């Protein structure tokens, strides 16, 4: 599903360095490519109607980042601090967010497509109409979240932590996992396969299912 309202042909070449100088700085209508933005410390950068391709944000601190109508392709946010970020109509394709921290972020109409989110901190999120498609979320922490219209499709979620999060209306049947970290009280309304249900019943309810 496409969310970002971006016309690539209308963008002009730019650089992420345009937001380095000031708090509350803005970047709009830009195509940013092949840039090293590692280990930056920027508070409340605002980015609108932009495309980023092959940009490295590794180990940067981008607290309170605001993104609207932005597309990221093959970008690296590994070990990046994105706490309290706002993502609205954002798409990420083939991006790395290994060990990234998005605690307290607001996500509305966001697509993660073939992204690596292993060991990511995805806690205290307010999530609306967001899709994770063919992503890796192994050993990620996805706890204390408010999930509305959230989809995980064909994802590897082994050992994903889902504490203090209602799983009602969440469908994990296309996802792969051997174990999950969660609470039995949050299982009501969760959709899984027969095999997954047997594993969860045994792990969290002490029930053994015979076939």
Protein backbone atom coordinates (compact mmCIF):
# COMPACT_ATOMS: atom_id res chain seq x y z
CA UNK A 1 0.00 0.00 0.00
CA UNK A 2 1.26 3.46 -0.92
CA UNK A 3 0.90 6.23 1.64
CA UNK A 4 3.35 9.02 0.85
CA UNK A 5 2.06 11.77 -1.39
CA UNK A 6 5.28 12.46 -3.25
CA UNK A 7 5.85 13.19 -6.96
CA UNK A 8 9.56 12.38 -7.47
CA UNK A 9 9.73 14.41 -10.68
CA UNK A 10 8.85 17.56 -8.73
CA UNK A 11 11.76 17.25 -6.28
CA UNK A 12 15.04 19.11 -6.50
CA UNK A 13 18.42 17.72 -5.44
CA UNK A 14 19.21 18.48 -1.82
CA UNK A 15 21.23 17.42 1.18
CA UNK A 16 20.32 16.37 4.71
CA UNK A 17 22.95 18.87 5.86
CA UNK A 18 20.31 21.57 5.33
CA UNK A 19 18.84 20.64 8.74
CA UNK A 20 22.15 20.57 10.64
CA UNK A 21 22.30 24.17 11.75
CA UNK A 22 19.17 24.99 13.73
CA UNK A 23 16.60 23.42 16.04
CA UNK A 24 13.22 23.16 14.30
CA UNK A 25 14.91 23.36 10.88
CA UNK A 26 12.97 22.19 7.82
CA UNK A 27 13.73 20.31 4.61
CA UNK A 28 11.00 20.20 1.96
CA UNK A 29 10.69 19.08 -1.66
CA UNK A 30 14.12 17.47 -1.88
CA UNK A 31 15.71 14.32 -3.32
CA UNK A 32 18.67 13.31 -1.12
CA UNK A 33 20.98 10.57 -2.40
CA UNK A 34 24.19 8.81 -1.36
CA UNK A 35 24.86 10.87 1.75
CA UNK A 36 26.63 10.10 5.01
CA UNK A 37 24.61 11.59 7.90
CA UNK A 38 26.05 9.36 10.63
CA UNK A 39 26.40 10.41 14.27
CA UNK A 40 24.42 13.63 13.91
CA UNK A 41 22.59 15.25 16.85
CA UNK A 42 19.52 17.16 15.68
CA UNK A 43 16.41 18.06 17.64
CA UNK A 44 13.01 18.42 15.97
CA UNK A 45 14.02 18.40 12.33
CA UNK A 46 10.97 18.70 10.09
CA UNK A 47 11.01 16.95 6.71
CA UNK A 48 8.15 17.11 4.22
CA UNK A 49 7.61 15.81 0.67
CA UNK A 50 11.04 14.26 0.19
CA UNK A 51 12.82 11.11 -0.99
CA UNK A 52 15.99 9.71 0.56
CA UNK A 53 18.03 7.06 -1.26
CA UNK A 54 21.08 5.28 0.17
CA UNK A 55 21.53 7.72 3.07
CA UNK A 56 23.28 6.57 6.26
CA UNK A 57 21.86 7.91 9.54
CA UNK A 58 23.67 5.31 11.68
CA UNK A 59 24.08 6.22 15.37
CA UNK A 60 22.46 9.62 14.87
CA UNK A 61 20.26 11.23 17.54
CA UNK A 62 17.19 12.60 15.76
CA UNK A 63 14.82 13.18 18.67
CA UNK A 64 11.34 14.52 17.86
CA UNK A 65 11.89 14.10 14.13
CA UNK A 66 8.77 15.01 12.11
CA UNK A 67 8.22 13.31 8.75
CA UNK A 68 5.30 13.92 6.39
CA UNK A 69 5.08 12.43 2.89
CA UNK A 70 8.61 11.03 2.92
CA UNK A 71 10.07 7.95 1.19
CA UNK A 72 13.27 6.18 2.27
CA UNK A 73 14.99 3.64 0.02
CA UNK A 74 18.02 1.59 1.11
CA UNK A 75 18.71 3.90 4.04
CA UNK A 76 20.48 2.89 7.25
CA UNK A 77 19.05 3.95 10.64
CA UNK A 78 20.93 1.31 12.65
CA UNK A 79 21.34 2.27 16.31
CA UNK A 80 19.66 5.58 15.59
CA UNK A 81 17.74 7.48 18.29
CA UNK A 82 14.31 8.34 16.88
CA UNK A 83 12.49 8.78 20.18
CA UNK A 84 9.24 10.72 20.09
CA UNK A 85 9.33 10.93 16.30
CA UNK A 86 6.21 11.62 14.23
CA UNK A 87 5.83 9.67 10.98
CA UNK A 88 2.81 10.54 8.82
CA UNK A 89 2.43 9.04 5.34
CA UNK A 90 5.95 7.61 5.32
CA UNK A 91 7.32 4.66 3.34
CA UNK A 92 10.55 2.77 4.03
CA UNK A 93 11.88 0.24 1.53
CA UNK A 94 14.86 -2.08 2.16
CA UNK A 95 16.00 0.04 5.10
CA UNK A 96 18.04 -1.03 8.13
CA UNK A 97 16.76 -0.05 11.57
CA UNK A 98 18.69 -2.65 13.57
CA UNK A 99 18.85 -1.52 17.18
CA UNK A 100 17.04 1.73 16.39
CA UNK A 101 15.03 3.33 19.21
CA UNK A 102 11.59 4.70 18.28
CA UNK A 103 10.16 4.82 21.79
CA UNK A 104 7.21 7.18 22.10
CA UNK A 105 6.83 7.62 18.34
CA UNK A 106 3.55 8.32 16.53
CA UNK A 107 3.09 6.32 13.30
CA UNK A 108 0.16 6.96 10.99
CA UNK A 109 -0.05 5.51 7.47
CA UNK A 110 3.48 4.13 7.53
CA UNK A 111 4.85 1.29 5.42
CA UNK A 112 7.93 -0.75 6.36
CA UNK A 113 8.71 -2.94 3.31
CA UNK A 114 11.58 -5.46 3.48
CA UNK A 115 13.15 -3.61 6.41
CA UNK A 116 15.45 -4.95 9.12
CA UNK A 117 14.21 -4.02 12.60
CA UNK A 118 15.99 -6.69 14.63
CA UNK A 119 16.64 -5.60 18.23
CA UNK A 120 14.75 -2.35 17.63
CA UNK A 121 13.06 -0.52 20.51
CA UNK A 122 9.46 -0.05 19.35
CA UNK A 123 7.86 0.76 22.68
CA UNK A 124 5.10 3.14 23.75
CA UNK A 125 4.09 3.69 20.13
CA UNK A 126 0.80 5.12 18.93
CA UNK A 127 0.30 3.22 15.67
CA UNK A 128 -2.46 3.78 13.14
CA UNK A 129 -2.92 2.20 9.72
CA UNK A 130 0.66 0.94 9.50
CA UNK A 131 2.07 -2.08 7.67
CA UNK A 132 5.18 -4.19 8.23
CA UNK A 133 5.68 -6.27 5.07
CA UNK A 134 8.40 -8.93 4.75
CA UNK A 135 10.37 -7.38 7.60
CA UNK A 136 12.67 -8.86 10.23
CA UNK A 137 11.69 -7.95 13.81
CA UNK A 138 13.67 -10.65 15.60
CA UNK A 139 14.33 -9.86 19.27
CA UNK A 140 12.69 -6.45 18.86
CA UNK A 141 10.72 -4.90 21.73
CA UNK A 142 7.16 -4.04 20.63
CA UNK A 143 5.64 -3.37 24.05
CA UNK A 144 3.21 -0.96 25.70
CA UNK A 145 1.81 0.04 22.30
CA UNK A 146 -1.53 1.30 21.10
CA UNK A 147 -2.18 -0.56 17.82
CA UNK A 148 -4.96 0.41 15.42
CA UNK A 149 -5.17 -1.05 11.92
CA UNK A 150 -1.66 -2.47 12.25
CA UNK A 151 -0.60 -5.28 9.90
CA UNK A 152 2.38 -7.63 10.04
CA UNK A 153 2.63 -9.56 6.78
CA UNK A 154 5.21 -12.28 6.06
CA UNK A 155 7.55 -11.05 8.80
CA UNK A 156 10.13 -12.88 10.90
CA UNK A 157 9.08 -11.98 14.45
CA UNK A 158 10.89 -14.68 16.41
CA UNK A 159 11.29 -13.70 20.07
CA UNK A 160 9.43 -10.43 19.53
CA UNK A 161 8.42 -8.87 22.86
CA UNK A 162 4.75 -7.85 23.02
CA UNK A 163 4.17 -6.95 26.66
CA UNK A 164 1.40 -4.57 27.78
CA UNK A 165 -0.05 -4.45 24.26
CA UNK A 166 -3.53 -5.56 23.24
CA UNK A 167 -3.27 -7.99 20.33
CA UNK A 168 -6.95 -7.75 19.42
CA UNK A 169 -7.43 -7.72 15.63
CA UNK A 170 -3.72 -8.38 15.01
CA UNK A 171 -3.08 -11.12 12.43
CA UNK A 172 0.23 -12.98 12.75
CA UNK A 173 -0.78 -15.98 10.64
CA UNK A 174 1.61 -15.13 7.78
CA UNK A 175 4.53 -14.43 10.13
CA UNK A 176 7.28 -16.78 11.28
CA UNK A 177 8.20 -17.35 14.91
CA UNK A 178 9.24 -20.16 17.22
CA UNK A 179 8.54 -18.14 20.35
CA UNK A 180 7.08 -14.80 21.38
CA UNK A 181 7.40 -12.86 24.61
CA UNK A 182 3.91 -11.79 25.69
CA UNK A 183 1.22 -12.08 28.36
CA UNK A 184 -1.66 -14.55 28.18
CA UNK A 185 -4.13 -11.78 29.09
CA UNK A 186 -3.36 -9.98 25.81
CA UNK A 187 -4.01 -12.97 23.51
CA UNK A 188 -7.75 -12.42 23.08
CA UNK A 189 -8.60 -11.47 19.50
CA UNK A 190 -5.20 -12.46 18.07
CA UNK A 191 -5.29 -14.33 14.72
CA UNK A 192 -2.73 -17.10 14.20
CA UNK A 193 -2.44 -20.43 12.38
CA UNK A 194 -3.38 -23.74 13.99
CA UNK A 195 0.28 -24.59 14.55
CA UNK A 196 0.99 -21.18 16.07
CA UNK A 197 -2.07 -21.48 18.31
CA UNK A 198 -0.81 -24.81 19.65
CA UNK A 199 2.58 -23.30 20.47
CA UNK A 200 1.03 -20.30 22.22
CA UNK A 201 -1.44 -22.45 24.13
CA UNK A 202 1.35 -24.68 25.37
CA UNK A 203 3.65 -21.79 26.26
CA UNK A 204 1.19 -19.44 27.93
CA UNK A 205 -1.85 -21.49 28.95
CA UNK A 206 -0.24 -24.81 29.72
CA UNK A 207 -2.52 -26.52 27.19
CA UNK A 208 -1.34 -29.38 25.00
CA UNK A 209 -3.19 -29.95 21.74
CA UNK A 210 -3.41 -33.41 20.16
CA UNK A 211 -3.87 -33.77 16.41
